[in-house]
Amino acid sequence: MNPLLDRALVWFRRDLRADDHAALYRALTSARQVFCAFILDRDILDALPRADRRVEFILGALRVLDEDLRQLGGALIVRHGSAADEIPHLAAELGAQAVFTNHDDEPQALMRDAQVAELLRPLNAELRTFKDHVIFERREVMTATGGPYGVFTPYKNAWLRKVDEFYLSSYPVERHAHALAKTELATGVPRLQDIGFKPAGLTQHVGQGARGAQALLDDFLDRIADYDKKRDFPAVKGPSYLSVHLRFGTISIRRLARTAHQLMQGGDHGAEIWLSELIWRDFYHQVMHHHPHAMRAAFRPEYDGIQWETGEHADALFQAWCEGRTGFPLVDAAMRQLNQTGYQHNRLRMVTASFLTKDLGLDWRRGEAYFAEKLLDFDLAANNGGWQWASSSGCDAQPYFRIFNPTSQSEKFDAEGRFIRRYCPELAGLDTKAIHAPWERAPLAMQGVDYPRPVVDHAAARERTLARYAVVKSRQLPA
């Protein structure tokens, strides 16, 4: 058994909770005194717009985390600076012999962690990292030949075969909380204006840190049995709305997967479908680990050869898509939801991504970057995976010849136009049939209404897309 360290530092990042926390548990069971810290990393924050909902969410979550740690006997040190500088400085200041933190497999994060580990060595301290953000990571679920999975369904089946109580068990932090230490360095959480930001406004879908996550989970469990029936309809309360809490770790993925797995074993089909969505997270994170090139280019390199639309007209189309002015009501309502709330319904993420790439013929990376800027729950692996799925350039991608029709998607998933009327109020006076394609069915009613005509003809755009992708496919044929 290894001797206890005198002092350790826990570096919180995308795991903003005090319960069921891998790094915190490992530190508490490895050291006599454990200090906790979060760095408002200027290397990340300085590039963000000054009114960014994610910063507002993080500060709220940090306040709850600080309160929870104080109740357990510790406190949270919050610093504003470069994490690569602040963590070694803080370790030296506290006399910590080790820094405990959870894995972050994003390429930039891995580079940062390597830098921190190098800077800790002269201090006779080490960086210790642990799995916490997913159930299975890196090489834990591999094919029979030892390679990574490139298709979701076989990965999911292997995931389900492997998962058991061990992988879903929580870390009993509270049992070892006596090792938590207070320090005068823990002076509270700064306000937005203290770090150069201003309020952006959070919606009802977003609670306060771990407490907000708990409230959302309680609400979702009352209706999880209907998840499979309601999840695709944006005007219906179907999703869990926990994506942002998973992104920032204000709730444990082990807790959610354990709950879903237990309900599934009891015959709850809604829980079974929700568990599949949680497994998609693991899938995309293992793709990121094994194929980091896919975070900046097509997973399948041949699709980097697609000739996307460029020039002033393409830029104008992109701007119309961003602002919800395409003339296709469901697409516009979805983009306005994103811009106004920082959230977009999962079905609509597929619809808007397909529209950008397959109707407008624009590079998926433009849409990916816009979502990265706007989504409160932005996660590099999941966002990239979703966009490459829609553009047919990724692993387990939608076949390029399957192109979402924005009108039929609207008629199927917002049949009464409730979602459209909420975000496109200028169309509220149209009847249920006309609201999905007002340029076809309500030309007289549209007189005087400030709503654009479609920026493209879907049928013609579909043919252009098939031709665009056919060129790439033809290059794969043997000579």
Protein backbone atom coordinates (compact mmCIF):
# COMPACT_ATOMS: atom_id res chain seq x y z
CA MET A 1 0.00 0.00 0.00
CA ASN A 2 1.42 3.39 -1.00
CA PRO A 3 2.12 5.84 1.87
CA LEU A 4 -0.21 8.82 2.15
CA LEU A 5 0.85 12.09 0.60
CA ASP A 6 0.96 15.07 2.92
CA ARG A 7 -0.89 17.42 0.56
CA ALA A 8 -2.71 17.07 -2.75
CA LEU A 9 -4.50 19.46 -5.07
CA VAL A 10 -7.65 18.54 -7.01
CA TRP A 11 -7.98 20.45 -10.28
CA PHE A 12 -11.65 20.68 -11.27
CA ARG A 13 -12.38 21.19 -14.99
CA ARG A 14 -15.37 19.64 -16.76
CA ASP A 15 -16.50 17.88 -13.56
CA LEU A 16 -18.10 20.61 -11.44
CA ARG A 17 -19.64 18.56 -8.63
CA ALA A 18 -18.53 17.34 -5.20
CA ASP A 19 -20.09 13.87 -5.35
CA ASP A 20 -19.16 10.72 -7.33
CA HIS A 21 -15.99 12.39 -8.57
CA ALA A 22 -13.07 10.17 -9.58
CA ALA A 23 -10.16 12.59 -9.07
CA LEU A 24 -11.55 13.98 -5.81
CA TYR A 25 -12.06 10.47 -4.42
CA ARG A 26 -8.54 9.40 -5.45
CA ALA A 27 -7.03 12.46 -3.81
CA LEU A 28 -9.02 12.03 -0.59
CA THR A 29 -7.87 8.42 -0.28
CA SER A 30 -4.25 9.28 -1.15
CA ALA A 31 -3.45 12.37 0.94
CA ARG A 32 -3.82 13.72 4.47
CA GLN A 33 -4.86 17.17 3.24
CA VAL A 34 -6.69 17.86 -0.01
CA PHE A 35 -7.18 21.30 -1.56
CA CYS A 36 -9.53 22.01 -4.46
CA ALA A 37 -9.17 24.50 -7.31
CA PHE A 38 -10.71 25.66 -10.56
CA ILE A 39 -8.92 27.85 -13.08
CA LEU A 40 -10.90 30.29 -15.21
CA ASP A 41 -8.50 29.61 -18.05
CA ARG A 42 -7.69 32.72 -20.05
CA ASP A 43 -6.29 30.55 -22.83
CA ILE A 44 -9.92 29.53 -23.42
CA LEU A 45 -11.91 32.50 -22.12
CA ASP A 46 -10.08 35.29 -23.93
CA ALA A 47 -11.29 34.00 -27.32
CA LEU A 48 -14.97 33.97 -26.29
CA PRO A 49 -17.53 36.73 -26.86
CA ARG A 50 -18.00 38.89 -23.77
CA ALA A 51 -21.59 37.70 -23.34
CA ASP A 52 -21.15 33.92 -23.36
CA ARG A 53 -23.77 31.76 -21.66
CA ARG A 54 -21.22 29.07 -20.86
CA VAL A 55 -19.19 31.42 -18.67
CA GLU A 56 -22.35 32.41 -16.83
CA PHE A 57 -23.24 28.73 -16.36
CA ILE A 58 -19.74 27.88 -15.11
CA LEU A 59 -19.70 30.64 -12.50
CA GLY A 60 -23.10 29.53 -11.19
CA ALA A 61 -21.90 25.93 -11.03
CA LEU A 62 -18.72 26.99 -9.23
CA ARG A 63 -20.72 28.78 -6.54
CA VAL A 64 -22.70 25.61 -5.86
CA LEU A 65 -19.52 23.52 -5.91
CA ASP A 66 -17.84 25.87 -3.44
CA GLU A 67 -20.84 25.68 -1.11
CA ASP A 68 -20.92 21.88 -1.32
CA LEU A 69 -17.19 21.60 -0.64
CA ARG A 70 -17.50 23.93 2.36
CA GLN A 71 -20.28 21.75 3.78
CA LEU A 72 -17.90 18.79 3.48
CA GLY A 73 -15.09 20.68 5.23
CA GLY A 74 -13.14 22.16 2.32
CA ALA A 75 -13.46 25.07 -0.09
CA LEU A 76 -12.78 25.96 -3.72
CA ILE A 77 -9.84 28.10 -4.82
CA VAL A 78 -10.72 30.00 -8.03
CA ARG A 79 -8.01 31.65 -10.10
CA HIS A 80 -8.27 33.63 -13.36
CA GLY A 81 -5.28 33.09 -15.62
CA SER A 82 -3.59 30.49 -17.80
CA ALA A 83 -4.15 27.03 -16.32
CA ALA A 84 -0.71 25.94 -17.50
CA ASP A 85 0.75 28.65 -15.25
CA GLU A 86 -1.71 28.75 -12.38
CA ILE A 87 -1.81 25.04 -11.49
CA PRO A 88 1.99 24.66 -11.00
CA HIS A 89 2.09 27.97 -9.10
CA LEU A 90 -0.77 26.88 -6.88
CA ALA A 91 0.79 23.45 -6.27
CA ALA A 92 3.99 25.17 -5.17
CA GLU A 93 2.11 27.63 -2.97
CA LEU A 94 0.22 24.83 -1.21
CA GLY A 95 3.13 22.41 -1.05
CA ALA A 96 1.10 19.80 -2.97
CA GLN A 97 2.98 16.64 -3.91
CA ALA A 98 0.46 15.70 -6.57
CA VAL A 99 -2.28 17.29 -8.67
CA PHE A 100 -5.31 15.07 -9.19
CA THR A 101 -7.60 15.73 -12.15
CA ASN A 102 -9.88 13.90 -14.55
CA HIS A 103 -9.12 13.06 -18.15
CA ASP A 104 -9.89 15.51 -20.92
CA ASP A 105 -9.10 13.93 -24.28
CA GLU A 106 -9.59 17.00 -26.44
CA PRO A 107 -6.35 17.58 -28.40
CA GLN A 108 -5.70 21.04 -26.91
CA ALA A 109 -6.41 19.77 -23.41
CA LEU A 110 -3.92 16.92 -23.80
CA MET A 111 -1.24 19.42 -24.84
CA ARG A 112 -2.06 21.62 -21.83
CA ASP A 113 -1.91 18.66 -19.44
CA ALA A 114 1.45 17.55 -20.82
CA GLN A 115 2.75 21.08 -20.22
CA VAL A 116 1.41 21.13 -16.65
CA ALA A 117 2.95 17.73 -15.92
CA GLU A 118 6.32 18.97 -17.17
CA LEU A 119 6.14 22.11 -15.02
CA LEU A 120 5.24 20.10 -11.91
CA ARG A 121 8.35 17.90 -12.10
CA PRO A 122 10.84 20.50 -10.80
CA LEU A 123 8.47 20.94 -7.83
CA ASN A 124 8.72 17.21 -7.04
CA ALA A 125 5.03 16.96 -7.81
CA GLU A 126 3.18 14.86 -10.36
CA LEU A 127 -0.03 15.06 -12.37
CA ARG A 128 -2.38 12.12 -11.81
CA THR A 129 -5.38 11.79 -14.12
CA PHE A 130 -8.45 9.56 -14.03
CA LYS A 131 -11.47 8.55 -16.10
CA ASP A 132 -14.63 10.40 -15.10
CA HIS A 133 -16.42 11.96 -18.09
CA VAL A 134 -17.56 8.73 -19.81
CA ILE A 135 -18.26 5.14 -18.80
CA PHE A 136 -15.72 3.63 -21.20
CA GLU A 137 -12.85 5.56 -22.72
CA ARG A 138 -9.81 5.22 -24.94
CA ARG A 139 -9.04 1.49 -25.44
CA GLU A 140 -11.61 0.05 -23.03
CA VAL A 141 -14.05 -1.07 -25.75
CA MET A 142 -12.25 -2.47 -28.78
CA THR A 143 -13.10 -4.82 -31.63
CA ALA A 144 -12.15 -8.51 -31.59
CA THR A 145 -9.05 -7.63 -33.62
CA GLY A 146 -7.99 -4.94 -31.15
CA GLY A 147 -8.97 -1.92 -33.20
CA PRO A 148 -11.38 0.94 -32.46
CA TYR A 149 -14.99 0.75 -33.57
CA GLY A 150 -16.03 2.88 -36.51
CA VAL A 151 -19.75 2.00 -36.49
CA PHE A 152 -22.02 2.76 -33.58
CA THR A 153 -24.26 -0.34 -33.34
CA PRO A 154 -21.43 -2.88 -32.92
CA TYR A 155 -19.80 -0.49 -30.44
CA LYS A 156 -23.05 -0.20 -28.50
CA ASN A 157 -23.46 -3.98 -28.38
CA ALA A 158 -19.88 -4.39 -27.10
CA TRP A 159 -20.49 -1.58 -24.57
CA LEU A 160 -23.59 -3.33 -23.24
CA ARG A 161 -21.80 -6.67 -23.02
CA LYS A 162 -19.00 -5.13 -20.95
CA VAL A 163 -20.88 -2.80 -18.64
CA ASP A 164 -21.55 -4.05 -15.12
CA GLU A 165 -21.90 -2.78 -11.55
CA PHE A 166 -18.17 -2.05 -11.30
CA TYR A 167 -18.20 0.47 -14.16
CA LEU A 168 -21.46 2.09 -13.00
CA SER A 169 -20.62 2.37 -9.30
CA SER A 170 -20.17 5.79 -7.76
CA TYR A 171 -17.10 7.08 -5.94
CA PRO A 172 -17.96 7.55 -2.21
CA VAL A 173 -16.49 11.02 -1.76
CA GLU A 174 -18.37 11.95 1.40
CA ARG A 175 -16.99 8.95 3.31
CA HIS A 176 -13.46 10.36 2.96
CA ALA A 177 -14.25 14.09 3.11
CA HIS A 178 -12.38 14.49 6.44
CA ALA A 179 -9.22 14.98 4.34
CA LEU A 180 -10.59 18.15 2.73
CA ALA A 181 -8.71 21.26 3.83
CA LYS A 182 -9.67 24.91 3.97
CA THR A 183 -7.31 27.70 2.96
CA GLU A 184 -7.29 31.49 2.91
CA LEU A 185 -6.65 31.22 -0.82
CA ALA A 186 -10.30 30.20 -1.26
CA THR A 187 -11.88 33.66 -1.41
CA GLY A 188 -15.05 32.80 -3.29
CA VAL A 189 -16.17 32.80 -6.91
CA PRO A 190 -15.73 36.01 -8.95
CA ARG A 191 -18.60 37.80 -10.66
CA LEU A 192 -18.92 37.95 -14.43
CA GLN A 193 -17.73 41.55 -14.54
CA ASP A 194 -14.68 40.66 -12.44
CA ILE A 195 -13.35 38.55 -15.30
CA GLY A 196 -14.46 40.84 -18.13
CA PHE A 197 -17.80 39.24 -19.06
CA LYS A 198 -21.42 40.35 -18.94
CA PRO A 199 -24.71 38.45 -18.51
CA ALA A 200 -25.96 36.52 -21.54
CA GLY A 201 -29.15 35.09 -20.05
CA LEU A 202 -29.78 31.45 -19.18
CA THR A 203 -33.07 29.71 -20.01
CA GLN A 204 -35.39 27.55 -17.96
CA HIS A 205 -33.56 24.45 -19.22
CA VAL A 206 -30.50 25.40 -17.20
CA GLY A 207 -30.48 25.16 -13.43
CA GLN A 208 -27.75 26.15 -10.99
CA GLY A 209 -24.89 23.69 -11.14
CA ALA A 210 -25.30 20.32 -9.46
CA ARG A 211 -28.59 21.40 -7.85
CA GLY A 212 -30.06 22.34 -11.18
CA ALA A 213 -28.93 19.01 -12.62
CA GLN A 214 -30.66 17.16 -9.80
CA ALA A 215 -33.91 19.07 -10.41
CA LEU A 216 -33.81 18.26 -14.13
CA LEU A 217 -33.11 14.59 -13.47
CA ASP A 218 -36.00 14.35 -11.00
CA ASP A 219 -38.30 15.89 -13.58
CA PHE A 220 -37.06 13.63 -16.38
CA LEU A 221 -37.43 10.42 -14.40
CA ASP A 222 -41.15 11.14 -14.08
CA ARG A 223 -41.47 11.00 -17.89
CA ILE A 224 -38.55 8.84 -19.05
CA ALA A 225 -40.92 6.00 -20.01
CA ASP A 226 -42.16 8.21 -22.87
CA TYR A 227 -38.71 9.34 -24.00
CA ASP A 228 -38.73 7.09 -27.07
CA LYS A 229 -42.10 8.49 -28.16
CA LYS A 230 -41.51 12.19 -27.49
CA ARG A 231 -37.80 12.86 -27.99
CA ASP A 232 -38.09 13.83 -31.69
CA PHE A 233 -40.76 16.50 -31.28
CA PRO A 234 -39.32 19.94 -30.43
CA ALA A 235 -42.63 21.39 -29.20
CA VAL A 236 -43.01 18.56 -26.67
CA LYS A 237 -41.19 18.15 -23.38
CA GLY A 238 -39.36 15.01 -24.39
CA PRO A 239 -35.57 15.30 -23.80
CA SER A 240 -33.85 15.24 -20.44
CA TYR A 241 -32.25 18.69 -21.00
CA LEU A 242 -29.22 17.35 -19.11
CA SER A 243 -26.72 17.77 -21.95
CA VAL A 244 -25.14 20.92 -20.52
CA HIS A 245 -24.82 19.25 -17.12
CA LEU A 246 -23.08 16.29 -18.72
CA ARG A 247 -20.82 18.67 -20.60
CA PHE A 248 -19.66 20.44 -17.44
CA GLY A 249 -19.93 17.43 -15.16
CA THR A 250 -22.45 18.91 -12.76
CA ILE A 251 -23.95 15.42 -12.71
CA SER A 252 -22.16 12.10 -12.91
CA ILE A 253 -22.39 10.07 -16.12
CA ARG A 254 -22.14 6.94 -13.96
CA ARG A 255 -25.25 7.94 -12.08
CA LEU A 256 -27.23 8.57 -15.26
CA ALA A 257 -26.06 5.42 -17.02
CA ARG A 258 -26.72 3.33 -13.90
CA THR A 259 -30.25 4.72 -13.61
CA ALA A 260 -30.98 4.13 -17.30
CA HIS A 261 -29.46 0.63 -17.24
CA GLN A 262 -31.51 -0.42 -14.23
CA LEU A 263 -34.74 0.90 -15.75
CA MET A 264 -33.93 -0.78 -19.07
CA GLN A 265 -33.45 -4.12 -17.32
CA GLY A 266 -36.90 -3.60 -15.84
CA GLY A 267 -38.40 -3.29 -19.32
CA ASP A 268 -38.51 0.51 -19.68
CA HIS A 269 -38.09 1.12 -23.42
CA GLY A 270 -37.76 4.88 -22.98
CA ALA A 271 -34.80 4.33 -20.65
CA GLU A 272 -33.29 1.91 -23.16
CA ILE A 273 -33.35 4.55 -25.91
CA TRP A 274 -31.96 7.19 -23.55
CA LEU A 275 -29.12 4.87 -22.57
CA SER A 276 -28.30 4.55 -26.28
CA GLU A 277 -27.91 8.33 -26.41
CA LEU A 278 -25.50 8.19 -23.47
CA ILE A 279 -23.54 5.45 -25.26
CA TRP A 280 -23.27 7.74 -28.31
CA ARG A 281 -21.30 10.13 -26.06
CA ASP A 282 -18.81 7.39 -25.23
CA PHE A 283 -18.62 6.42 -28.91
CA TYR A 284 -17.76 9.91 -30.10
CA HIS A 285 -15.18 10.35 -27.35
CA GLN A 286 -13.40 7.13 -28.33
CA VAL A 287 -13.46 8.33 -31.95
CA MET A 288 -11.77 11.54 -30.82
CA HIS A 289 -9.13 9.58 -28.91
CA HIS A 290 -8.27 7.21 -31.76
CA HIS A 291 -8.74 9.67 -34.65
CA PRO A 292 -7.77 13.16 -33.47
CA HIS A 293 -7.40 14.27 -37.11
CA ALA A 294 -11.20 14.08 -37.38
CA MET A 295 -11.51 17.04 -35.01
CA ARG A 296 -10.27 19.31 -37.83
CA ALA A 297 -10.83 17.33 -41.05
CA ALA A 298 -13.09 14.65 -42.48
CA PHE A 299 -12.90 11.32 -40.67
CA ARG A 300 -12.88 9.72 -44.12
CA PRO A 301 -10.19 11.72 -45.95
CA GLU A 302 -11.79 11.32 -49.37
CA TYR A 303 -14.57 13.63 -48.23
CA ASP A 304 -12.09 16.44 -47.84
CA GLY A 305 -12.20 16.46 -51.64
CA ILE A 306 -15.79 17.71 -51.77
CA GLN A 307 -16.08 20.99 -53.63
CA TRP A 308 -18.20 23.08 -51.29
CA GLU A 309 -19.85 26.32 -52.39
CA THR A 310 -17.67 29.38 -51.83
CA GLY A 311 -17.72 33.10 -52.60
CA GLU A 312 -20.02 35.97 -51.74
CA HIS A 313 -23.23 34.09 -52.52
CA ALA A 314 -22.15 31.20 -50.28
CA ASP A 315 -21.33 33.67 -47.52
CA ALA A 316 -24.78 35.24 -47.87
CA LEU A 317 -26.42 31.79 -47.63
CA PHE A 318 -24.40 31.00 -44.53
CA GLN A 319 -25.46 34.26 -42.91
CA ALA A 320 -29.11 33.52 -43.70
CA TRP A 321 -28.73 30.09 -42.09
CA CYS A 322 -27.07 31.55 -38.99
CA GLU A 323 -29.78 34.17 -38.53
CA GLY A 324 -32.78 31.95 -39.27
CA ARG A 325 -33.68 33.64 -42.58
CA THR A 326 -33.62 30.71 -45.01
CA GLY A 327 -37.35 30.75 -45.79
CA PHE A 328 -37.79 27.21 -44.45
CA PRO A 329 -39.78 27.65 -41.22
CA LEU A 330 -38.48 24.65 -39.25
CA VAL A 331 -34.85 25.44 -40.10
CA ASP A 332 -35.33 29.10 -39.20
CA ALA A 333 -37.14 28.34 -35.95
CA ALA A 334 -34.36 25.93 -34.96
CA MET A 335 -31.61 28.47 -35.63
CA ARG A 336 -33.49 31.17 -33.75
CA GLN A 337 -33.87 28.79 -30.80
CA LEU A 338 -30.11 28.30 -30.83
CA ASN A 339 -29.37 32.02 -31.04
CA GLN A 340 -31.87 33.00 -28.37
CA THR A 341 -31.27 30.23 -25.83
CA GLY A 342 -27.96 28.48 -26.52
CA TYR A 343 -29.90 25.23 -26.90
CA GLN A 344 -31.14 23.39 -29.97
CA HIS A 345 -33.31 20.29 -29.93
CA ASN A 346 -31.41 17.17 -31.06
CA ARG A 347 -33.72 16.38 -33.98
CA LEU A 348 -33.28 19.95 -35.18
CA ARG A 349 -29.49 19.71 -34.97
CA MET A 350 -29.74 17.00 -37.62
CA VAL A 351 -32.19 19.04 -39.70
CA THR A 352 -30.15 22.25 -39.64
CA ALA A 353 -26.86 20.44 -40.28
CA SER A 354 -28.33 18.56 -43.22
CA PHE A 355 -29.75 21.79 -44.60
CA LEU A 356 -26.41 23.60 -44.42
CA THR A 357 -24.42 20.83 -46.07
CA LYS A 358 -26.95 19.21 -48.41
CA ASP A 359 -29.27 22.10 -49.35
CA LEU A 360 -26.86 25.03 -49.23
CA GLY A 361 -23.78 22.99 -50.20
CA LEU A 362 -21.62 24.62 -47.51
CA ASP A 363 -18.67 23.07 -45.70
CA TRP A 364 -19.75 21.29 -42.51
CA ARG A 365 -16.88 22.95 -40.65
CA ARG A 366 -18.61 26.32 -40.98
CA GLY A 367 -21.66 24.97 -39.20
CA GLU A 368 -19.59 23.11 -36.65
CA ALA A 369 -17.76 26.32 -35.74
CA TYR A 370 -21.02 28.25 -35.41
CA PHE A 371 -22.48 25.61 -33.10
CA ALA A 372 -19.24 25.64 -31.11
CA GLU A 373 -19.74 29.35 -30.53
CA LYS A 374 -23.43 29.23 -29.68
CA LEU A 375 -24.20 25.90 -27.97
CA LEU A 376 -24.31 26.01 -24.20
CA ASP A 377 -23.68 22.26 -24.17
CA PHE A 378 -20.90 22.40 -26.77
CA ASP A 379 -18.73 19.30 -26.60
CA LEU A 380 -16.00 18.93 -29.24
CA ALA A 381 -16.36 15.17 -29.72
CA ALA A 382 -20.16 15.14 -29.91
CA ASN A 383 -20.45 18.31 -32.00
CA ASN A 384 -17.87 17.07 -34.49
CA GLY A 385 -19.44 13.62 -34.60
CA GLY A 386 -22.89 15.02 -35.25
CA TRP A 387 -21.74 17.33 -38.03
CA GLN A 388 -19.72 14.64 -39.74
CA TRP A 389 -22.70 12.29 -39.48
CA ALA A 390 -24.90 14.86 -41.21
CA SER A 391 -22.33 15.64 -43.91
CA SER A 392 -21.66 11.92 -44.54
CA SER A 393 -17.93 12.44 -43.94
CA GLY A 394 -17.61 10.70 -40.58
CA CYS A 395 -17.65 7.23 -39.13
CA ASP A 396 -21.09 5.67 -39.04
CA ALA A 397 -22.25 8.59 -41.18
CA GLN A 398 -25.63 9.12 -42.77
CA PRO A 399 -25.30 7.90 -46.40
CA TYR A 400 -24.81 10.93 -48.65
CA PHE A 401 -27.91 10.12 -50.71
CA ARG A 402 -30.17 10.39 -47.66
CA ILE A 403 -30.98 14.09 -47.57
CA PHE A 404 -33.45 15.52 -45.08
CA ASN A 405 -36.34 17.34 -46.71
CA PRO A 406 -36.87 20.36 -44.42
CA THR A 407 -40.56 20.60 -45.28
CA SER A 408 -41.41 16.94 -44.65
CA GLN A 409 -39.34 17.03 -41.44
CA SER A 410 -41.45 19.99 -40.36
CA GLU A 411 -44.72 18.26 -41.20
CA LYS A 412 -43.65 15.10 -39.37
CA PHE A 413 -42.06 16.50 -36.21
CA ASP A 414 -43.89 19.82 -35.74
CA ALA A 415 -47.17 18.87 -37.40
CA GLU A 416 -49.23 21.57 -35.68
CA GLY A 417 -46.54 24.22 -36.14
CA ARG A 418 -46.30 24.92 -32.40
CA PHE A 419 -42.51 25.11 -32.37
CA ILE A 420 -42.42 27.21 -35.55
CA ARG A 421 -44.95 29.69 -34.15
CA ARG A 422 -42.88 30.11 -30.99
CA TYR A 423 -39.68 31.11 -32.77
CA CYS A 424 -41.14 32.52 -36.00
CA PRO A 425 -44.03 34.54 -34.60
CA GLU A 426 -44.49 36.35 -37.93
CA LEU A 427 -45.92 33.06 -39.24
CA ALA A 428 -48.32 32.56 -36.32
CA GLY A 429 -51.35 33.59 -38.38
CA LEU A 430 -50.92 30.82 -40.96
CA ASP A 431 -52.98 27.67 -40.77
CA THR A 432 -51.41 24.32 -39.89
CA LYS A 433 -50.92 23.18 -43.48
CA ALA A 434 -49.53 26.46 -44.78
CA ILE A 435 -47.01 27.04 -42.00
CA HIS A 436 -44.63 24.32 -43.20
CA ALA A 437 -44.22 25.72 -46.73
CA PRO A 438 -45.77 29.21 -46.80
CA TRP A 439 -44.31 30.06 -50.23
CA GLU A 440 -46.42 27.24 -51.73
CA ARG A 441 -49.61 27.26 -49.74
CA ALA A 442 -50.16 30.76 -48.40
CA PRO A 443 -49.00 33.31 -50.98
CA LEU A 444 -51.90 35.68 -50.25
CA ALA A 445 -51.62 35.30 -46.47
CA MET A 446 -47.92 36.08 -46.70
CA GLN A 447 -48.51 39.52 -48.20
CA GLY A 448 -47.14 42.08 -45.78
CA VAL A 449 -45.48 39.41 -43.62
CA ASP A 450 -41.77 40.01 -43.08
CA TYR A 451 -40.58 36.48 -43.84
CA PRO A 452 -38.21 35.54 -46.69
CA ARG A 453 -38.86 33.27 -49.60
CA PRO A 454 -36.72 30.10 -49.65
CA VAL A 455 -33.05 30.76 -50.41
CA VAL A 456 -32.87 27.50 -52.40
CA ASP A 457 -35.14 25.06 -54.16
CA HIS A 458 -34.84 21.85 -52.17
CA ALA A 459 -35.36 19.49 -55.13
CA ALA A 460 -32.72 21.26 -57.24
CA ALA A 461 -30.34 21.46 -54.27
CA ARG A 462 -30.74 17.74 -53.70
CA GLU A 463 -29.65 16.99 -57.26
CA ARG A 464 -26.63 19.25 -56.91
CA THR A 465 -25.65 17.47 -53.70
CA LEU A 466 -25.96 14.03 -55.27
CA ALA A 467 -23.72 15.17 -58.11
CA ARG A 468 -21.23 16.76 -55.70
CA TYR A 469 -20.87 13.59 -53.66
CA ALA A 470 -20.90 11.32 -56.71
CA VAL A 471 -17.67 12.92 -57.87
CA VAL A 472 -16.00 11.94 -54.60
CA LYS A 473 -17.42 8.43 -54.70
CA SER A 474 -16.22 7.92 -58.28
CA ARG A 475 -12.64 8.57 -57.20
CA GLN A 476 -12.84 5.53 -54.93
CA LEU A 477 -13.58 3.14 -57.79
CA PRO A 478 -10.71 0.90 -58.93
CA ALA A 479 -9.03 1.99 -62.15
